[in-house]
Amino acid sequence: MLNLYDTEAVKAIIFDILVENQKLKKQVANAQAMSDMWFKDYQAQRERADKAEARVAELERQIQQLTVGQEGGKDNDHNE
């Protein structure tokens, strides 16, 4: 049990509490920074994925158009 009349013991406990609070504040700040960094990385990766998916869709449309064009050309050659 803490003797409140022992000023050195009270000072030591208060100092320990202040040190622990400082450590906890640093841990919270580090956790927040890591969370922010993760989210920004997620957003950048998501944007890259969206652009890649749009490019794939465009290439698929081009392939479709070329395939349809070749099939139409074959039909024309075949009819002659």
PDB file of N, CA and C in Angstrom:
ATOM      1  N   MET A   1       0.841  -1.181   0.000  1.00  0.00           N
ATOM      2  CA  MET A   1       0.000   0.000   0.000  1.00  0.00           C
ATOM      3  C   MET A   1       0.878   1.233   0.000  1.00  0.00           C
ATOM      4  N   LEU A   2       0.449   2.244  -0.711  1.00  0.00           N
ATOM      5  CA  LEU A   2       1.208   3.474  -0.842  1.00  0.00           C
ATOM      6  C   LEU A   2       0.967   4.375   0.356  1.00  0.00           C
ATOM      7  N   ASN A   3       2.067   4.814   0.940  1.00  0.00           N
ATOM      8  CA  ASN A   3       1.988   5.760   2.045  1.00  0.00           C
ATOM      9  C   ASN A   3       1.999   7.160   1.440  1.00  0.00           C
ATOM     10  N   LEU A   4       0.882   7.845   1.492  1.00  0.00           N
ATOM     11  CA  LEU A   4       0.766   9.164   0.875  1.00  0.00           C
ATOM     12  C   LEU A   4       1.608  10.220   1.588  1.00  0.00           C
ATOM     13  N   TYR A   5       2.085   9.913   2.776  1.00  0.00           N
ATOM     14  CA  TYR A   5       2.919  10.863   3.517  1.00  0.00           C
ATOM     15  C   TYR A   5       4.390  10.722   3.127  1.00  0.00           C
ATOM     16  N   ASP A   6       4.722   9.668   2.393  1.00  0.00           N
ATOM     17  CA  ASP A   6       6.092   9.454   1.909  1.00  0.00           C
ATOM     18  C   ASP A   6       6.213  10.146   0.550  1.00  0.00           C
ATOM     19  N   THR A   7       6.712  11.376   0.560  1.00  0.00           N
ATOM     20  CA  THR A   7       6.745  12.172  -0.669  1.00  0.00           C
ATOM     21  C   THR A   7       7.619  11.552  -1.749  1.00  0.00           C
ATOM     22  N   GLU A   8       8.678  10.897  -1.375  1.00  0.00           N
ATOM     23  CA  GLU A   8       9.547  10.271  -2.376  1.00  0.00           C
ATOM     24  C   GLU A   8       8.822   9.116  -3.076  1.00  0.00           C
ATOM     25  N   ALA A   9       8.051   8.345  -2.348  1.00  0.00           N
ATOM     26  CA  ALA A   9       7.290   7.240  -2.944  1.00  0.00           C
ATOM     27  C   ALA A   9       6.208   7.785  -3.873  1.00  0.00           C
ATOM     28  N   VAL A  10       5.541   8.847  -3.446  1.00  0.00           N
ATOM     29  CA  VAL A  10       4.504   9.468  -4.272  1.00  0.00           C
ATOM     30  C   VAL A  10       5.133  10.031  -5.547  1.00  0.00           C
ATOM     31  N   LYS A  11       6.275  10.699  -5.403  1.00  0.00           N
ATOM     32  CA  LYS A  11       6.971  11.231  -6.580  1.00  0.00           C
ATOM     33  C   LYS A  11       7.358  10.104  -7.539  1.00  0.00           C
ATOM     34  N   ALA A  12       7.834   8.999  -6.996  1.00  0.00           N
ATOM     35  CA  ALA A  12       8.248   7.867  -7.830  1.00  0.00           C
ATOM     36  C   ALA A  12       7.056   7.288  -8.592  1.00  0.00           C
ATOM     37  N   ILE A  13       5.922   7.154  -7.907  1.00  0.00           N
ATOM     38  CA  ILE A  13       4.729   6.619  -8.564  1.00  0.00           C
ATOM     39  C   ILE A  13       4.243   7.572  -9.650  1.00  0.00           C
ATOM     40  N   ILE A  14       4.216   8.851  -9.365  1.00  0.00           N
ATOM     41  CA  ILE A  14       3.775   9.835 -10.354  1.00  0.00           C
ATOM     42  C   ILE A  14       4.727   9.825 -11.545  1.00  0.00           C
ATOM     43  N   PHE A  15       6.022   9.746 -11.281  1.00  0.00           N
ATOM     44  CA  PHE A  15       6.992   9.683 -12.369  1.00  0.00           C
ATOM     45  C   PHE A  15       6.758   8.447 -13.236  1.00  0.00           C
ATOM     46  N   ASP A  16       6.529   7.294 -12.605  1.00  0.00           N
ATOM     47  CA  ASP A  16       6.254   6.063 -13.351  1.00  0.00           C
ATOM     48  C   ASP A  16       4.999   6.208 -14.218  1.00  0.00           C
ATOM     49  N   ILE A  17       3.989   6.834 -13.654  1.00  0.00           N
ATOM     50  CA  ILE A  17       2.739   7.038 -14.405  1.00  0.00           C
ATOM     51  C   ILE A  17       2.990   7.954 -15.599  1.00  0.00           C
ATOM     52  N   LEU A  18       3.748   9.027 -15.403  1.00  0.00           N
ATOM     53  CA  LEU A  18       4.046   9.949 -16.495  1.00  0.00           C
ATOM     54  C   LEU A  18       4.866   9.265 -17.597  1.00  0.00           C
ATOM     55  N   VAL A  19       5.833   8.447 -17.197  1.00  0.00           N
ATOM     56  CA  VAL A  19       6.646   7.716 -18.184  1.00  0.00           C
ATOM     57  C   VAL A  19       5.767   6.745 -18.964  1.00  0.00           C
ATOM     58  N   GLU A  20       4.895   6.031 -18.264  1.00  0.00           N
ATOM     59  CA  GLU A  20       3.999   5.081 -18.931  1.00  0.00           C
ATOM     60  C   GLU A  20       3.054   5.800 -19.888  1.00  0.00           C
ATOM     61  N   ASN A  21       2.535   6.940 -19.479  1.00  0.00           N
ATOM     62  CA  ASN A  21       1.653   7.727 -20.357  1.00  0.00           C
ATOM     63  C   ASN A  21       2.401   8.164 -21.611  1.00  0.00           C
ATOM     64  N   GLN A  22       3.650   8.580 -21.443  1.00  0.00           N
ATOM     65  CA  GLN A  22       4.446   9.016 -22.594  1.00  0.00           C
ATOM     66  C   GLN A  22       4.661   7.849 -23.556  1.00  0.00           C
ATOM     67  N   LYS A  23       4.949   6.668 -23.028  1.00  0.00           N
ATOM     68  CA  LYS A  23       5.131   5.480 -23.873  1.00  0.00           C
ATOM     69  C   LYS A  23       3.848   5.149 -24.623  1.00  0.00           C
ATOM     70  N   LEU A  24       2.731   5.215 -23.911  1.00  0.00           N
ATOM     71  CA  LEU A  24       1.444   4.928 -24.550  1.00  0.00           C
ATOM     72  C   LEU A  24       1.120   5.935 -25.642  1.00  0.00           C
ATOM     73  N   LYS A  25       1.430   7.199 -25.426  1.00  0.00           N
ATOM     74  CA  LYS A  25       1.190   8.222 -26.448  1.00  0.00           C
ATOM     75  C   LYS A  25       2.019   7.931 -27.693  1.00  0.00           C
ATOM     76  N   LYS A  26       3.270   7.516 -27.494  1.00  0.00           N
ATOM     77  CA  LYS A  26       4.125   7.187 -28.643  1.00  0.00           C
ATOM     78  C   LYS A  26       3.581   5.973 -29.388  1.00  0.00           C
ATOM     79  N   GLN A  27       3.114   4.975 -28.636  1.00  0.00           N
ATOM     80  CA  GLN A  27       2.553   3.782 -29.272  1.00  0.00           C
ATOM     81  C   GLN A  27       1.303   4.128 -30.084  1.00  0.00           C
ATOM     82  N   VAL A  28       0.451   4.974 -29.547  1.00  0.00           N
ATOM     83  CA  VAL A  28      -0.760   5.392 -30.261  1.00  0.00           C
ATOM     84  C   VAL A  28      -0.381   6.171 -31.520  1.00  0.00           C
ATOM     85  N   ALA A  29       0.592   7.071 -31.398  1.00  0.00           N
ATOM     86  CA  ALA A  29       1.022   7.848 -32.562  1.00  0.00           C
ATOM     87  C   ALA A  29       1.603   6.926 -33.637  1.00  0.00           C
ATOM     88  N   ASN A  30       2.408   5.944 -33.223  1.00  0.00           N
ATOM     89  CA  ASN A  30       2.976   5.001 -34.193  1.00  0.00           C
ATOM     90  C   ASN A  30       1.886   4.158 -34.846  1.00  0.00           C
ATOM     91  N   ALA A  31       0.932   3.710 -34.059  1.00  0.00           N
ATOM     92  CA  ALA A  31      -0.165   2.904 -34.608  1.00  0.00           C
ATOM     93  C   ALA A  31      -0.986   3.727 -35.600  1.00  0.00           C
ATOM     94  N   GLN A  32      -1.230   4.987 -35.277  1.00  0.00           N
ATOM     95  CA  GLN A  32      -1.993   5.861 -36.177  1.00  0.00           C
ATOM     96  C   GLN A  32      -1.218   6.099 -37.464  1.00  0.00           C
ATOM     97  N   ALA A  33       0.085   6.314 -37.342  1.00  0.00           N
ATOM     98  CA  ALA A  33       0.907   6.545 -38.536  1.00  0.00           C
ATOM     99  C   ALA A  33       0.915   5.300 -39.418  1.00  0.00           C
ATOM    100  N   MET A  34       1.023   4.127 -38.821  1.00  0.00           N
ATOM    101  CA  MET A  34       1.017   2.886 -39.591  1.00  0.00           C
ATOM    102  C   MET A  34      -0.342   2.690 -40.268  1.00  0.00           C
ATOM    103  N   SER A  35      -1.404   3.001 -39.560  1.00  0.00           N
ATOM    104  CA  SER A  35      -2.741   2.871 -40.120  1.00  0.00           C
ATOM    105  C   SER A  35      -2.924   3.820 -41.300  1.00  0.00           C
ATOM    106  N   ASP A  36      -2.470   5.050 -41.139  1.00  0.00           N
ATOM    107  CA  ASP A  36      -2.569   6.027 -42.221  1.00  0.00           C
ATOM    108  C   ASP A  36      -1.751   5.581 -43.429  1.00  0.00           C
ATOM    109  N   MET A  37      -0.538   5.085 -43.165  1.00  0.00           N
ATOM    110  CA  MET A  37       0.332   4.641 -44.247  1.00  0.00           C
ATOM    111  C   MET A  37      -0.292   3.450 -44.960  1.00  0.00           C
ATOM    112  N   TRP A  38      -0.869   2.520 -44.215  1.00  0.00           N
ATOM    113  CA  TRP A  38      -1.515   1.348 -44.817  1.00  0.00           C
ATOM    114  C   TRP A  38      -2.672   1.787 -45.699  1.00  0.00           C
ATOM    115  N   PHE A  39      -3.488   2.715 -45.200  1.00  0.00           N
ATOM    116  CA  PHE A  39      -4.658   3.151 -45.953  1.00  0.00           C
ATOM    117  C   PHE A  39      -4.245   3.871 -47.234  1.00  0.00           C
ATOM    118  N   LYS A  40      -3.215   4.719 -47.155  1.00  0.00           N
ATOM    119  CA  LYS A  40      -2.747   5.414 -48.362  1.00  0.00           C
ATOM    120  C   LYS A  40      -2.199   4.412 -49.370  1.00  0.00           C
ATOM    121  N   ASP A  41      -1.484   3.401 -48.888  1.00  0.00           N
ATOM    122  CA  ASP A  41      -0.969   2.361 -49.777  1.00  0.00           C
ATOM    123  C   ASP A  41      -2.128   1.586 -50.405  1.00  0.00           C
ATOM    124  N   TYR A  42      -3.141   1.291 -49.603  1.00  0.00           N
ATOM    125  CA  TYR A  42      -4.327   0.598 -50.110  1.00  0.00           C
ATOM    126  C   TYR A  42      -4.993   1.409 -51.217  1.00  0.00           C
ATOM    127  N   GLN A  43      -5.147   2.715 -50.988  1.00  0.00           N
ATOM    128  CA  GLN A  43      -5.777   3.571 -51.994  1.00  0.00           C
ATOM    129  C   GLN A  43      -4.960   3.589 -53.280  1.00  0.00           C
ATOM    130  N   ALA A  44      -3.634   3.673 -53.164  1.00  0.00           N
ATOM    131  CA  ALA A  44      -2.781   3.698 -54.356  1.00  0.00           C
ATOM    132  C   ALA A  44      -2.885   2.375 -55.109  1.00  0.00           C
ATOM    133  N   GLN A  45      -2.877   1.259 -54.388  1.00  0.00           N
ATOM    134  CA  GLN A  45      -2.975  -0.054 -55.030  1.00  0.00           C
ATOM    135  C   GLN A  45      -4.352  -0.240 -55.669  1.00  0.00           C
ATOM    136  N   ARG A  46      -5.370   0.257 -55.007  1.00  0.00           N
ATOM    137  CA  ARG A  46      -6.725   0.157 -55.545  1.00  0.00           C
ATOM    138  C   ARG A  46      -6.839   0.952 -56.853  1.00  0.00           C
ATOM    139  N   GLU A  47      -6.239   2.145 -56.863  1.00  0.00           N
ATOM    140  CA  GLU A  47      -6.258   2.972 -58.071  1.00  0.00           C
ATOM    141  C   GLU A  47      -5.517   2.271 -59.212  1.00  0.00           C
ATOM    142  N   ARG A  48      -4.374   1.668 -58.905  1.00  0.00           N
ATOM    143  CA  ARG A  48      -3.636   0.930 -59.932  1.00  0.00           C
ATOM    144  C   ARG A  48      -4.453  -0.239 -60.457  1.00  0.00           C
ATOM    145  N   ALA A  49      -5.123  -0.945 -59.559  1.00  0.00           N
ATOM    146  CA  ALA A  49      -5.943  -2.091 -59.972  1.00  0.00           C
ATOM    147  C   ALA A  49      -7.106  -1.637 -60.848  1.00  0.00           C
ATOM    148  N   ASP A  50      -7.737  -0.539 -60.477  1.00  0.00           N
ATOM    149  CA  ASP A  50      -8.851  -0.017 -61.285  1.00  0.00           C
ATOM    150  C   ASP A  50      -8.379   0.372 -62.688  1.00  0.00           C
ATOM    151  N   LYS A  51      -7.218   1.010 -62.769  1.00  0.00           N
ATOM    152  CA  LYS A  51      -6.678   1.382 -64.078  1.00  0.00           C
ATOM    153  C   LYS A  51      -6.339   0.140 -64.897  1.00  0.00           C
ATOM    154  N   ALA A  52      -5.774  -0.861 -64.230  1.00  0.00           N
ATOM    155  CA  ALA A  52      -5.422  -2.094 -64.933  1.00  0.00           C
ATOM    156  C   ALA A  52      -6.679  -2.803 -65.439  1.00  0.00           C
ATOM    157  N   GLU A  53      -7.718  -2.838 -64.627  1.00  0.00           N
ATOM    158  CA  GLU A  53      -8.975  -3.470 -65.044  1.00  0.00           C
ATOM    159  C   GLU A  53      -9.601  -2.723 -66.213  1.00  0.00           C
ATOM    160  N   ALA A  54      -9.523  -1.408 -66.188  1.00  0.00           N
ATOM    161  CA  ALA A  54     -10.059  -0.616 -67.306  1.00  0.00           C
ATOM    162  C   ALA A  54      -9.257  -0.897 -68.571  1.00  0.00           C
ATOM    163  N   ARG A  55      -7.950  -1.022 -68.442  1.00  0.00           N
ATOM    164  CA  ARG A  55      -7.105  -1.315 -69.607  1.00  0.00           C
ATOM    165  C   ARG A  55      -7.410  -2.705 -70.156  1.00  0.00           C
ATOM    166  N   VAL A  56      -7.596  -3.675 -69.267  1.00  0.00           N
ATOM    167  CA  VAL A  56      -7.941  -5.033 -69.705  1.00  0.00           C
ATOM    168  C   VAL A  56      -9.275  -5.022 -70.440  1.00  0.00           C
ATOM    169  N   ALA A  57     -10.251  -4.311 -69.917  1.00  0.00           N
ATOM    170  CA  ALA A  57     -11.558  -4.230 -70.568  1.00  0.00           C
ATOM    171  C   ALA A  57     -11.423  -3.597 -71.961  1.00  0.00           C
ATOM    172  N   GLU A  58     -10.605  -2.551 -72.076  1.00  0.00           N
ATOM    173  CA  GLU A  58     -10.394  -1.908 -73.370  1.00  0.00           C
ATOM    174  C   GLU A  58      -9.725  -2.875 -74.346  1.00  0.00           C
ATOM    175  N   LEU A  59      -8.733  -3.596 -73.897  1.00  0.00           N
ATOM    176  CA  LEU A  59      -8.058  -4.564 -74.770  1.00  0.00           C
ATOM    177  C   LEU A  59      -9.006  -5.690 -75.187  1.00  0.00           C
ATOM    178  N   GLU A  60      -9.862  -6.119 -74.282  1.00  0.00           N
ATOM    179  CA  GLU A  60     -10.847  -7.153 -74.624  1.00  0.00           C
ATOM    180  C   GLU A  60     -11.813  -6.646 -75.688  1.00  0.00           C
ATOM    181  N   ARG A  61     -12.219  -5.369 -75.587  1.00  0.00           N
ATOM    182  CA  ARG A  61     -13.093  -4.791 -76.612  1.00  0.00           C
ATOM    183  C   ARG A  61     -12.373  -4.732 -77.961  1.00  0.00           C
ATOM    184  N   GLN A  62     -11.116  -4.367 -77.930  1.00  0.00           N
ATOM    185  CA  GLN A  62     -10.350  -4.310 -79.176  1.00  0.00           C
ATOM    186  C   GLN A  62     -10.210  -5.699 -79.790  1.00  0.00           C
ATOM    187  N   ILE A  63      -9.953  -6.697 -78.961  1.00  0.00           N
ATOM    188  CA  ILE A  63      -9.844  -8.075 -79.462  1.00  0.00           C
ATOM    189  C   ILE A  63     -11.177  -8.506 -80.059  1.00  0.00           C
ATOM    190  N   GLN A  64     -12.260  -8.180 -79.380  1.00  0.00           N
ATOM    191  CA  GLN A  64     -13.598  -8.517 -79.875  1.00  0.00           C
ATOM    192  C   GLN A  64     -13.838  -7.883 -81.246  1.00  0.00           C
ATOM    193  N   GLN A  65     -13.481  -6.607 -81.371  1.00  0.00           N
ATOM    194  CA  GLN A  65     -13.674  -5.908 -82.638  1.00  0.00           C
ATOM    195  C   GLN A  65     -12.817  -6.529 -83.739  1.00  0.00           C
ATOM    196  N   LEU A  66     -11.574  -6.861 -83.408  1.00  0.00           N
ATOM    197  CA  LEU A  66     -10.694  -7.485 -84.402  1.00  0.00           C
ATOM    198  C   LEU A  66     -11.208  -8.868 -84.801  1.00  0.00           C
ATOM    199  N   THR A  67     -11.681  -9.614 -83.827  1.00  0.00           N
ATOM    200  CA  THR A  67     -12.205 -10.952 -84.101  1.00  0.00           C
ATOM    201  C   THR A  67     -13.438 -10.873 -84.987  1.00  0.00           C
ATOM    202  N   VAL A  68     -14.332  -9.954 -84.655  1.00  0.00           N
ATOM    203  CA  VAL A  68     -15.536  -9.769 -85.468  1.00  0.00           C
ATOM    204  C   VAL A  68     -15.138  -9.321 -86.870  1.00  0.00           C
ATOM    205  N   GLY A  69     -14.160  -8.441 -86.983  1.00  0.00           N
ATOM    206  CA  GLY A  69     -13.700  -7.965 -88.280  1.00  0.00           C
ATOM    207  C   GLY A  69     -13.091  -9.084 -89.110  1.00  0.00           C
ATOM    208  N   GLN A  70     -12.314  -9.962 -88.473  1.00  0.00           N
ATOM    209  CA  GLN A  70     -11.706 -11.075 -89.196  1.00  0.00           C
ATOM    210  C   GLN A  70     -12.761 -12.084 -89.619  1.00  0.00           C
ATOM    211  N   GLU A  71     -13.714 -12.326 -88.756  1.00  0.00           N
ATOM    212  CA  GLU A  71     -14.783 -13.271 -89.112  1.00  0.00           C
ATOM    213  C   GLU A  71     -15.599 -12.721 -90.284  1.00  0.00           C
ATOM    214  N   GLY A  72     -15.846 -11.439 -90.272  1.00  0.00           N
ATOM    215  CA  GLY A  72     -16.576 -10.815 -91.387  1.00  0.00           C
ATOM    216  C   GLY A  72     -15.765 -10.893 -92.656  1.00  0.00           C
ATOM    217  N   GLY A  73     -14.461 -10.706 -92.547  1.00  0.00           N
ATOM    218  CA  GLY A  73     -13.599 -10.794 -93.719  1.00  0.00           C
ATOM    219  C   GLY A  73     -13.533 -12.204 -94.251  1.00  0.00           C
ATOM    220  N   LYS A  74     -13.515 -13.182 -93.381  1.00  0.00           N
ATOM    221  CA  LYS A  74     -13.497 -14.585 -93.821  1.00  0.00           C
ATOM    222  C   LYS A  74     -14.765 -14.951 -94.541  1.00  0.00           C
ATOM    223  N   ASP A  75     -15.879 -14.427 -94.017  1.00  0.00           N
ATOM    224  CA  ASP A  75     -17.160 -14.715 -94.654  1.00  0.00           C
ATOM    225  C   ASP A  75     -17.171 -14.122 -96.069  1.00  0.00           C
ATOM    226  N   ASN A  76     -16.632 -12.907 -96.209  1.00  0.00           N
ATOM    227  CA  ASN A  76     -16.597 -12.266 -97.516  1.00  0.00           C
ATOM    228  C   ASN A  76     -15.690 -13.042 -98.467  1.00  0.00           C
ATOM    229  N   ASP A  77     -14.536 -13.497 -97.979  1.00  0.00           N
ATOM    230  CA  ASP A  77     -13.624 -14.267 -98.828  1.00  0.00           C
ATOM    231  C   ASP A  77     -14.262 -15.615 -99.182  1.00  0.00           C
ATOM    232  N   HIS A  78     -14.951 -16.177 -98.261  1.00  0.00           N
ATOM    233  CA  HIS A  78     -15.546 -17.481 -98.463  1.00  0.00           C
ATOM    234  C   HIS A  78     -16.689 -17.426 -99.496  1.00  0.00           C
ATOM    235  N   ASN A  79     -17.393 -16.297 -99.535  1.00  0.00           N
ATOM    236  CA  ASN A  79     -18.509 -16.149-100.454  1.00  0.00           C
ATOM    237  C   ASN A  79     -18.045 -15.937-101.887  1.00  0.00           C
ATOM    238  N   GLU A  80     -16.822 -15.492-102.120  1.00  0.00           N
ATOM    239  CA  GLU A  80     -16.365 -15.202-103.483  1.00  0.00           C
ATOM    240  C   GLU A  80     -15.992 -16.393-104.212  1.00  0.00           C
TER     241      GLU A  80
END
